[in-house]
C-alpha atoms as a PDB file:
ATOM      1  CA  MET A   1      15.849  15.965 -99.209  1.00  0.00           C
ATOM      2  CA  LYS A   2      19.260  16.032 -97.540  1.00  0.00           C
ATOM      3  CA  ILE A   3      22.600  16.755 -99.673  1.00  0.00           C
ATOM      4  CA  PHE A   4      25.956  15.021 -98.616  1.00  0.00           C
ATOM      5  CA  ALA A   5      29.640  15.366 -99.505  1.00  0.00           C
ATOM      6  CA  LEU A   6      32.054  12.818 -99.698  1.00  0.00           C
ATOM      7  CA  SER A   7      35.547  12.812-102.010  1.00  0.00           C
ATOM      8  CA  ASP A   8      38.618  10.099-101.955  1.00  0.00           C
ATOM      9  CA  ILE A   9      37.341   7.292-101.121  1.00  0.00           C
ATOM     10  CA  HIS A  10      40.355   5.142-102.463  1.00  0.00           C
ATOM     11  CA  ILE A  11      37.910   1.737-102.372  1.00  0.00           C
ATOM     12  CA  ASP A  12      41.319  -0.058-103.415  1.00  0.00           C
ATOM     13  CA  TYR A  13      42.213  -0.408 -99.713  1.00  0.00           C
ATOM     14  CA  GLU A  14      39.665  -2.825 -98.246  1.00  0.00           C
ATOM     15  CA  GLU A  15      38.729  -0.792 -95.272  1.00  0.00           C
ATOM     16  CA  ASN A  16      37.128   1.923 -97.511  1.00  0.00           C
ATOM     17  CA  HIS A  17      35.866  -0.775-100.141  1.00  0.00           C
ATOM     18  CA  LYS A  18      33.842  -2.329 -96.935  1.00  0.00           C
ATOM     19  CA  TRP A  19      33.037   1.011 -95.261  1.00  0.00           C
ATOM     20  CA  LEU A  20      31.443   2.216 -98.850  1.00  0.00           C
ATOM     21  CA  TYR A  21      29.657  -0.848 -99.504  1.00  0.00           C
ATOM     22  CA  SER A  22      28.562  -1.188 -96.087  1.00  0.00           C
ATOM     23  CA  LEU A  23      26.860   2.083 -96.102  1.00  0.00           C
ATOM     24  CA  SER A  24      22.477   1.777 -95.652  1.00  0.00           C
ATOM     25  CA  GLU A  25      20.271   0.759 -98.770  1.00  0.00           C
ATOM     26  CA  TYR A  26      17.582   2.679 -96.659  1.00  0.00           C
ATOM     27  CA  ASP A  27      18.498   5.577 -94.830  1.00  0.00           C
ATOM     28  CA  TYR A  28      19.604   7.961 -97.983  1.00  0.00           C
ATOM     29  CA  LYS A  29      16.845   6.940-100.614  1.00  0.00           C
ATOM     30  CA  ASP A  30      15.874  10.538-100.564  1.00  0.00           C
ATOM     31  CA  ASP A  31      19.387  12.191-100.715  1.00  0.00           C
ATOM     32  CA  ILE A  32      21.906  13.505-102.813  1.00  0.00           C
ATOM     33  CA  LEU A  33      25.567  12.706-102.809  1.00  0.00           C
ATOM     34  CA  ILE A  34      28.174  15.077-104.093  1.00  0.00           C
ATOM     35  CA  LEU A  35      31.165  12.574-104.886  1.00  0.00           C
ATOM     36  CA  ALA A  36      33.992  15.074-105.610  1.00  0.00           C
ATOM     37  CA  GLY A  37      36.541  12.627-107.133  1.00  0.00           C
ATOM     38  CA  ASP A  38      39.010   9.429-106.797  1.00  0.00           C
ATOM     39  CA  ILE A  39      37.347   6.338-106.118  1.00  0.00           C
ATOM     40  CA  THR A  40      39.439   3.819-107.982  1.00  0.00           C
ATOM     41  CA  ASP A  41      41.631   3.775-110.908  1.00  0.00           C
ATOM     42  CA  ILE A  42      40.401   0.578-111.874  1.00  0.00           C
ATOM     43  CA  ILE A  43      37.618   0.217-114.357  1.00  0.00           C
ATOM     44  CA  PRO A  44      35.563  -2.533-113.140  1.00  0.00           C
ATOM     45  CA  SER A  45      35.581  -1.604-109.118  1.00  0.00           C
ATOM     46  CA  LEU A  46      34.402   1.937-110.584  1.00  0.00           C
ATOM     47  CA  SER A  47      31.672   0.120-112.401  1.00  0.00           C
ATOM     48  CA  LYS A  48      30.287  -1.743-109.146  1.00  0.00           C
ATOM     49  CA  ALA A  49      30.723   1.476-106.932  1.00  0.00           C
ATOM     50  CA  PHE A  50      28.604   3.206-109.636  1.00  0.00           C
ATOM     51  CA  GLU A  51      26.305   0.682-108.964  1.00  0.00           C
ATOM     52  CA  ALA A  52      26.385   0.224-105.282  1.00  0.00           C
ATOM     53  CA  LEU A  53      25.986   4.616-105.110  1.00  0.00           C
ATOM     54  CA  LYS A  54      23.171   4.746-107.038  1.00  0.00           C
ATOM     55  CA  LEU A  55      20.872   2.135-104.977  1.00  0.00           C
ATOM     56  CA  LYS A  56      21.556   3.918-101.817  1.00  0.00           C
ATOM     57  CA  PHE A  57      20.978   7.728-102.842  1.00  0.00           C
ATOM     58  CA  HIS A  58      18.624   9.088-104.774  1.00  0.00           C
ATOM     59  CA  GLU A  59      20.922  11.337-107.314  1.00  0.00           C
ATOM     60  CA  VAL A  60      25.160  10.735-107.163  1.00  0.00           C
ATOM     61  CA  MET A  61      26.492  13.474-108.776  1.00  0.00           C
ATOM     62  CA  TYR A  62      30.342  13.018-109.465  1.00  0.00           C
ATOM     63  CA  LEU A  63      33.127  13.718-111.507  1.00  0.00           C
ATOM     64  CA  PRO A  64      36.577  12.231-111.404  1.00  0.00           C
ATOM     65  CA  GLY A  65      39.969  13.095-109.408  1.00  0.00           C
ATOM     66  CA  ASN A  66      43.619  12.578-110.377  1.00  0.00           C
ATOM     67  CA  HIS A  67      43.580   8.753-109.406  1.00  0.00           C
ATOM     68  CA  ASP A  68      40.742   8.091-111.634  1.00  0.00           C
ATOM     69  CA  LEU A  69      42.127   8.995-114.512  1.00  0.00           C
ATOM     70  CA  TRP A  70      45.601   6.850-113.648  1.00  0.00           C
ATOM     71  CA  THR A  71      45.811   4.821-116.883  1.00  0.00           C
ATOM     72  CA  TYR A  72      49.020   2.565-116.117  1.00  0.00           C
ATOM     73  CA  ARG A  73      46.685  -0.141-114.428  1.00  0.00           C
ATOM     74  CA  ASN A  74      44.320  -0.279-117.628  1.00  0.00           C
ATOM     75  CA  ASN A  75      44.701  -0.482-121.246  1.00  0.00           C
ATOM     76  CA  ILE A  76      43.534   2.583-122.300  1.00  0.00           C
ATOM     77  CA  LYS A  77      45.641   4.944-124.790  1.00  0.00           C
ATOM     78  CA  ASN A  78      45.199   7.963-122.406  1.00  0.00           C
ATOM     79  CA  SER A  79      43.441  10.086-119.700  1.00  0.00           C
ATOM     80  CA  ILE A  80      41.394  11.898-122.124  1.00  0.00           C
ATOM     81  CA  ASP A  81      40.128   8.916-123.485  1.00  0.00           C
ATOM     82  CA  LYS A  82      39.811   7.175-119.882  1.00  0.00           C
ATOM     83  CA  PHE A  83      37.889  10.092-119.080  1.00  0.00           C
ATOM     84  CA  ASN A  84      35.485   9.767-121.843  1.00  0.00           C
ATOM     85  CA  ILE A  85      34.972   5.837-120.866  1.00  0.00           C
ATOM     86  CA  ILE A  86      33.989   7.274-117.201  1.00  0.00           C
ATOM     87  CA  LYS A  87      31.639   9.335-118.185  1.00  0.00           C
ATOM     88  CA  LYS A  88      30.015   6.524-120.907  1.00  0.00           C
ATOM     89  CA  ILE A  89      29.790   4.073-117.284  1.00  0.00           C
ATOM     90  CA  ALA A  90      28.484   6.997-115.285  1.00  0.00           C
ATOM     91  CA  ASN A  91      25.567   7.468-117.828  1.00  0.00           C
ATOM     92  CA  ASP A  92      25.208   4.003-117.857  1.00  0.00           C
ATOM     93  CA  TYR A  93      24.899   3.691-114.585  1.00  0.00           C
ATOM     94  CA  GLY A  94      22.517   6.888-113.822  1.00  0.00           C
ATOM     95  CA  ILE A  95      25.375   8.841-112.328  1.00  0.00           C
ATOM     96  CA  ASN A  96      25.478  12.722-113.195  1.00  0.00           C
ATOM     97  CA  MET A  97      28.588  14.575-114.409  1.00  0.00           C
ATOM     98  CA  LYS A  98      26.645  17.460-115.265  1.00  0.00           C
ATOM     99  CA  PRO A  99      24.737  19.922-113.735  1.00  0.00           C
ATOM    100  CA  ALA A 100      21.710  19.402-111.676  1.00  0.00           C
ATOM    101  CA  LYS A 101      18.474  21.615-110.586  1.00  0.00           C
ATOM    102  CA  PHE A 102      16.392  20.398-107.370  1.00  0.00           C
ATOM    103  CA  ASP A 103      14.111  22.973-107.578  1.00  0.00           C
ATOM    104  CA  SER A 104      15.472  26.051-105.708  1.00  0.00           C
ATOM    105  CA  VAL A 105      19.084  24.683-105.731  1.00  0.00           C
ATOM    106  CA  SER A 106      21.449  23.964-108.519  1.00  0.00           C
ATOM    107  CA  ILE A 107      24.751  21.840-108.240  1.00  0.00           C
ATOM    108  CA  ILE A 108      27.152  21.824-110.778  1.00  0.00           C
ATOM    109  CA  PRO A 109      30.506  20.361-111.183  1.00  0.00           C
ATOM    110  CA  LEU A 110      33.794  22.142-112.216  1.00  0.00           C
ATOM    111  CA  TYR A 111      36.573  19.901-114.090  1.00  0.00           C
ATOM    112  CA  GLY A 112      40.190  20.687-113.640  1.00  0.00           C
ATOM    113  CA  TRP A 113      43.689  19.889-112.950  1.00  0.00           C
ATOM    114  CA  PHE A 114      46.396  21.159-111.308  1.00  0.00           C
ATOM    115  CA  ASP A 115      49.024  23.677-113.562  1.00  0.00           C
ATOM    116  CA  PHE A 116      51.415  24.986-110.917  1.00  0.00           C
ATOM    117  CA  SER A 117      49.521  28.277-110.226  1.00  0.00           C
ATOM    118  CA  PHE A 118      49.946  27.498-106.512  1.00  0.00           C
ATOM    119  CA  GLY A 119      53.782  27.444-107.052  1.00  0.00           C
ATOM    120  CA  GLN A 120      56.431  25.719-108.936  1.00  0.00           C
ATOM    121  CA  PRO A 121      56.998  22.177-108.471  1.00  0.00           C
ATOM    122  CA  SER A 122      60.625  20.959-107.015  1.00  0.00           C
ATOM    123  CA  LYS A 123      62.904  17.960-108.446  1.00  0.00           C
ATOM    124  CA  GLU A 124      61.507  16.019-105.379  1.00  0.00           C
ATOM    125  CA  LEU A 125      57.932  16.369-106.290  1.00  0.00           C
ATOM    126  CA  LEU A 126      58.261  16.178-110.252  1.00  0.00           C
ATOM    127  CA  HIS A 127      60.111  12.817-108.875  1.00  0.00           C
ATOM    128  CA  ILE A 128      57.466  11.614-106.326  1.00  0.00           C
ATOM    129  CA  TRP A 129      54.208  13.079-107.430  1.00  0.00           C
ATOM    130  CA  LEU A 130      52.655   9.740-109.251  1.00  0.00           C
ATOM    131  CA  ASP A 131      50.391  11.597-111.629  1.00  0.00           C
ATOM    132  CA  PHE A 132      53.218  12.207-113.572  1.00  0.00           C
ATOM    133  CA  THR A 133      53.552   8.462-114.826  1.00  0.00           C
ATOM    134  CA  ALA A 134      50.524   6.885-113.854  1.00  0.00           C
ATOM    135  CA  CYS A 135      48.298   9.103-116.394  1.00  0.00           C
ATOM    136  CA  LYS A 136      49.282   9.083-119.569  1.00  0.00           C
ATOM    137  CA  TRP A 137      48.235  12.526-122.443  1.00  0.00           C
ATOM    138  CA  PRO A 138      48.319  13.267-125.542  1.00  0.00           C
ATOM    139  CA  TYR A 139      51.659  14.070-127.265  1.00  0.00           C
ATOM    140  CA  ASP A 140      51.327  17.816-126.964  1.00  0.00           C
ATOM    141  CA  PHE A 141      49.857  17.840-123.341  1.00  0.00           C
ATOM    142  CA  ASP A 142      51.566  19.681-120.529  1.00  0.00           C
ATOM    143  CA  GLU A 143      50.304  20.477-117.081  1.00  0.00           C
ATOM    144  CA  THR A 144      49.088  24.255-118.336  1.00  0.00           C
ATOM    145  CA  LYS A 145      46.952  22.077-121.446  1.00  0.00           C
ATOM    146  CA  ILE A 146      45.729  19.730-119.082  1.00  0.00           C
ATOM    147  CA  THR A 147      44.207  21.973-117.224  1.00  0.00           C
ATOM    148  CA  HIS A 148      42.728  24.231-120.024  1.00  0.00           C
ATOM    149  CA  TYR A 149      40.995  20.923-121.164  1.00  0.00           C
ATOM    150  CA  PHE A 150      38.983  20.242-118.221  1.00  0.00           C
ATOM    151  CA  ILE A 151      38.343  23.837-117.346  1.00  0.00           C
ATOM    152  CA  SER A 152      37.021  24.273-120.988  1.00  0.00           C
ATOM    153  CA  ILE A 153      34.427  22.122-119.863  1.00  0.00           C
ATOM    154  CA  ASN A 154      32.870  23.934-117.482  1.00  0.00           C
ATOM    155  CA  GLU A 155      32.014  27.029-119.623  1.00  0.00           C
ATOM    156  CA  GLU A 156      29.056  26.172-120.731  1.00  0.00           C
ATOM    157  CA  PHE A 157      28.271  25.747-117.177  1.00  0.00           C
ATOM    158  CA  LEU A 158      28.580  28.988-115.714  1.00  0.00           C
ATOM    159  CA  GLN A 159      25.460  30.808-116.952  1.00  0.00           C
ATOM    160  CA  THR A 160      23.424  28.429-114.453  1.00  0.00           C
ATOM    161  CA  LYS A 161      21.461  30.648-112.126  1.00  0.00           C
ATOM    162  CA  ASN A 162      19.318  29.478-108.891  1.00  0.00           C
ATOM    163  CA  ASP A 163      18.244  30.717-105.612  1.00  0.00           C
ATOM    164  CA  PHE A 164      21.025  28.343-104.053  1.00  0.00           C
ATOM    165  CA  ILE A 165      24.219  26.999-105.605  1.00  0.00           C
ATOM    166  CA  ILE A 166      26.499  24.484-104.812  1.00  0.00           C
ATOM    167  CA  THR A 167      29.707  23.508-107.017  1.00  0.00           C
ATOM    168  CA  TYR A 168      32.081  21.086-106.873  1.00  0.00           C
ATOM    169  CA  SER A 169      35.619  20.054-108.203  1.00  0.00           C
ATOM    170  CA  HIS A 170      38.300  17.005-107.173  1.00  0.00           C
ATOM    171  CA  PHE A 171      41.157  20.197-107.035  1.00  0.00           C
ATOM    172  CA  LEU A 172      41.107  23.025-104.915  1.00  0.00           C
ATOM    173  CA  PRO A 173      40.352  26.258-106.372  1.00  0.00           C
ATOM    174  CA  ARG A 174      42.743  28.328-104.010  1.00  0.00           C
ATOM    175  CA  ILE A 175      45.821  27.217-101.683  1.00  0.00           C
ATOM    176  CA  ASP A 176      45.107  29.266 -98.842  1.00  0.00           C
ATOM    177  CA  LEU A 177      42.417  26.253 -98.034  1.00  0.00           C
ATOM    178  CA  MET A 178      45.168  24.543 -96.967  1.00  0.00           C
ATOM    179  CA  PRO A 179      45.637  24.827 -92.864  1.00  0.00           C
ATOM    180  CA  ILE A 180      48.248  26.647 -91.505  1.00  0.00           C
ATOM    181  CA  TYR A 181      49.125  24.072 -90.105  1.00  0.00           C
ATOM    182  CA  ILE A 182      50.568  21.580 -92.659  1.00  0.00           C
ATOM    183  CA  PRO A 183      53.986  21.046 -92.200  1.00  0.00           C
ATOM    184  CA  PRO A 184      56.838  22.647 -94.677  1.00  0.00           C
ATOM    185  CA  SER A 185      57.988  18.822 -95.451  1.00  0.00           C
ATOM    186  CA  LYS A 186      53.992  18.105 -96.853  1.00  0.00           C
ATOM    187  CA  ARG A 187      53.700  21.542 -98.560  1.00  0.00           C
ATOM    188  CA  LEU A 188      56.201  20.301-101.246  1.00  0.00           C
ATOM    189  CA  LEU A 189      52.910  18.806-102.740  1.00  0.00           C
ATOM    190  CA  TYR A 190      51.121  22.317-103.051  1.00  0.00           C
ATOM    191  CA  PRO A 191      51.975  23.022-106.703  1.00  0.00           C
ATOM    192  CA  VAL A 192      50.121  19.835-107.646  1.00  0.00           C
ATOM    193  CA  LEU A 193      46.831  20.359-105.667  1.00  0.00           C
ATOM    194  CA  GLY A 194      44.958  22.861-107.843  1.00  0.00           C
ATOM    195  CA  THR A 195      44.222  25.978-110.171  1.00  0.00           C
ATOM    196  CA  THR A 196      43.130  29.373-109.511  1.00  0.00           C
ATOM    197  CA  LEU A 197      41.079  28.970-112.630  1.00  0.00           C
ATOM    198  CA  LEU A 198      38.795  27.357-110.619  1.00  0.00           C
ATOM    199  CA  GLU A 199      37.870  30.278-108.642  1.00  0.00           C
ATOM    200  CA  GLU A 200      37.853  32.378-111.171  1.00  0.00           C
ATOM    201  CA  GLN A 201      34.584  30.444-112.714  1.00  0.00           C
ATOM    202  CA  ILE A 202      32.955  29.753-108.865  1.00  0.00           C
ATOM    203  CA  ASN A 203      33.087  33.299-108.635  1.00  0.00           C
ATOM    204  CA  VAL A 204      31.316  33.951-111.849  1.00  0.00           C
ATOM    205  CA  LEU A 205      28.582  31.198-110.737  1.00  0.00           C
ATOM    206  CA  ASP A 206      28.956  33.028-107.121  1.00  0.00           C
ATOM    207  CA  SER A 207      28.294  29.826-105.499  1.00  0.00           C
ATOM    208  CA  GLN A 208      27.526  30.177-101.549  1.00  0.00           C
ATOM    209  CA  ILE A 209      29.054  26.332-101.271  1.00  0.00           C
ATOM    210  CA  HIS A 210      31.685  24.828-102.991  1.00  0.00           C
ATOM    211  CA  ILE A 211      32.829  20.953-102.271  1.00  0.00           C
ATOM    212  CA  TYR A 212      36.303  19.988-102.983  1.00  0.00           C
ATOM    213  CA  GLY A 213      38.802  16.816-102.366  1.00  0.00           C
ATOM    214  CA  HIS A 214      41.974  16.006-103.126  1.00  0.00           C
ATOM    215  CA  SER A 215      43.815  17.124-100.152  1.00  0.00           C
ATOM    216  CA  HIS A 216      42.754  14.638 -97.875  1.00  0.00           C
ATOM    217  CA  VAL A 217      42.366  17.042 -95.293  1.00  0.00           C
ATOM    218  CA  ASN A 218      38.993  17.924 -94.004  1.00  0.00           C
ATOM    219  CA  MET A 219      37.880  21.464 -93.783  1.00  0.00           C
ATOM    220  CA  HIS A 220      34.874  23.643 -93.684  1.00  0.00           C
ATOM    221  CA  VAL A 221      35.852  27.434 -93.656  1.00  0.00           C
ATOM    222  CA  ASN A 222      34.276  30.393 -94.581  1.00  0.00           C
ATOM    223  CA  LYS A 223      36.126  32.521 -97.042  1.00  0.00           C
ATOM    224  CA  ASP A 224      35.096  35.761 -99.185  1.00  0.00           C
ATOM    225  CA  ASN A 225      31.121  34.642 -97.753  1.00  0.00           C
ATOM    226  CA  ARG A 226      31.730  31.563 -99.639  1.00  0.00           C
ATOM    227  CA  ILE A 227      31.572  28.185 -97.579  1.00  0.00           C
ATOM    228  CA  TYR A 228      34.551  25.822 -98.576  1.00  0.00           C
ATOM    229  CA  ILE A 229      34.093  22.065 -97.558  1.00  0.00           C
ATOM    230  CA  ASN A 230      36.923  19.361 -98.055  1.00  0.00           C
ATOM    231  CA  ASN A 231      35.109  15.918 -96.554  1.00  0.00           C
ATOM    232  CA  ALA A 232      37.950  13.681 -98.005  1.00  0.00           C
ATOM    233  CA  PHE A 233      37.214  10.167 -96.554  1.00  0.00           C
ATOM    234  CA  GLY A 234      41.246   9.290 -97.039  1.00  0.00           C
ATOM    235  CA  TYR A 235      43.760   6.508 -96.906  1.00  0.00           C
ATOM    236  CA  PRO A 236      43.108   3.942 -94.214  1.00  0.00           C
ATOM    237  CA  SER A 237      46.001   5.903 -91.936  1.00  0.00           C
ATOM    238  CA  GLU A 238      44.654   9.357 -91.764  1.00  0.00           C
ATOM    239  CA  THR A 239      42.595   9.303 -89.221  1.00  0.00           C
ATOM    240  CA  ARG A 240      43.407  12.313 -87.503  1.00  0.00           C
ATOM    241  CA  ILE A 241      42.988  14.470 -90.492  1.00  0.00           C
ATOM    242  CA  THR A 242      39.680  12.368 -92.136  1.00  0.00           C
ATOM    243  CA  ALA A 243      36.321  12.067 -90.439  1.00  0.00           C
ATOM    244  CA  LYS A 244      35.573   8.902 -92.589  1.00  0.00           C
ATOM    245  CA  GLU A 245      32.130   9.294 -92.336  1.00  0.00           C
ATOM    246  CA  LEU A 246      28.982  11.283 -94.635  1.00  0.00           C
ATOM    247  CA  LEU A 247      28.615  14.923 -94.423  1.00  0.00           C
ATOM    248  CA  CYS A 248      25.146  16.771 -94.515  1.00  0.00           C
ATOM    249  CA  VAL A 249      26.189  19.926 -96.394  1.00  0.00           C
ATOM    250  CA  PHE A 250      22.484  21.191 -97.337  1.00  0.00           C
ATOM    251  CA  GLU A 251      19.037  20.413 -96.589  1.00  0.00           C
ATOM    252  CA  LEU A 252      16.119  21.232 -98.598  1.00  0.00           C
END
C-alpha cells in the first residue's frame, strides 16, 4: 500500500479536470491519497470529484482549502456552513476528513486558516486577495477567530499515537517552507499563507512527515528532523513550480 500526496487540483480549469478524471481506476486501488485542499468551490463539481476519487483509491484523506470554502458562486450563507456541507458530502462519498490508522501509520488532518502570523498584510494584498470577498463569515469573525475556529477542531486529534505519523494541512505551518528564490513581488502573499499555530500542533503530534498545499510551490525539505512536502498540482500555467503528478510519500 502506497500513500500519495496531492493538493490544489483546481478542477475548474479544463486541463486539471481532464487530468483528474484520466487517473487510472486500477493502478491505485490498494493505495491512499492525501488530498490537501483546493479542489473546487462549486459543490456539484466537488461531489463528482469525490465520487471519481473514491473509485480510484482505497482511501481518500481530505480537508478543504480556502478555494473550497468560497461562497460567492454558491447559495450558501457563510463559509462555516459550507464547511459543514462539505463534511456531509465527503461522508456520503466515503471521503475521510478525520484521522485514520493504517497498521503502524496514522494520517491526521490539521485544519487551519491564515491569521497574519507570517506578517501583516499590505493594502495591496487586502485589495487583491480574493478570500476576503469570496468567503463570507459570521459577523464577528476576523482572521484570528477564523483560524482559531479551525485550529480548535484539531485539538481532539492531538493525543494520537502510533509508530509513524503523517499530518497534513492545506495552509503552511511555517513561513520558512517558502524557498529563497521567491521574488519580492510575490512575497506580499506571505501573510495569507498560513499560521504558526499549525506548527505547534504538528510538534505536539511529533509527526515524521507533514503534507501541505496552498502555496503552489512544490517542496520536499527536512526541517527540524521532519519532512515537509508540498505536491500542488496548481494552475495550468504553473509548469515551473509544480510537477503535476501524484507523489508517493510513504509505502506500507
